[in-house]
Amino acid sequence: MATTRNVSAAKPRCAWAGADPNYIAYHDTEWGVPVYDDRRLFEFLLLEGAQAGLSWITILRKRDAYRNAFAGFDPEKVARFNAKKLETLMQDAGIVRNRLKIASAVKNARAFLKVQEELGSFSDYQWGFVDGKPLQNRRASIKDIPARTPVSDAFSKDLKRRGFNFVGSTIIYAHMQAVGMVNDHVDSCFRQIAVSKLAQKR
């Protein structure tokens, strides 16, 4: 059976994927794949907010703990978390025990529900920033990938207007990459072409 190291060497990937099995699996199966399901979009928003100031691999390793702590990423349930629940979460060693981030997850869940109520789905709202179709970028290397773009600036600004926290433009661009609003796999990555084809299958 091939080792993770051998498998990684056999397939050219974006440099950030490294050799960690969690990162490789995430890169190969999730990153850049278009997401239209509201609950999964909420999951990524929550996790991206938790990641602020930390490495993404730290959050990936805690993903199951976050799923358990935040009601399977159900925004309706998270929106009902009270002060007692927040104190319980502050004692949960499986997640990032940052009071502002935990409180923000609840605030964002409530804002998320308001978007759904107003527009029918969060997915329609979010994908509207790219006219419903993933942006296909052709990056020669990781150095060519920006930390933010005019689209992420606009998306971030509107989220803040709607009451969301931990949604700065850099965080939101990472979110856009994660849920496939943009395809930032570099040209040499084996996933670049495969992900670009997914944009045609909605």
Foldseek 3Di string as FASTA:
>chain_A
DDDLVVVPVVFDFAVVLPRDPLSVCLRVPFFQAADQDQLVLLLLVLLLLQCVVHDSVLSSQLSVVCCVLQVNSDLVSLLPDDPVSLVVVCPRPSGPNDSVSSVLSNQLSVLLVVCCVVPVGVSCVVLVLLPVFAAQDAAQHPVRDDLADPSLCVVLVVSVVSPHPSSHRSSSVSSCRRNNSYPPIYPRGPCRVVSNVSRVVD
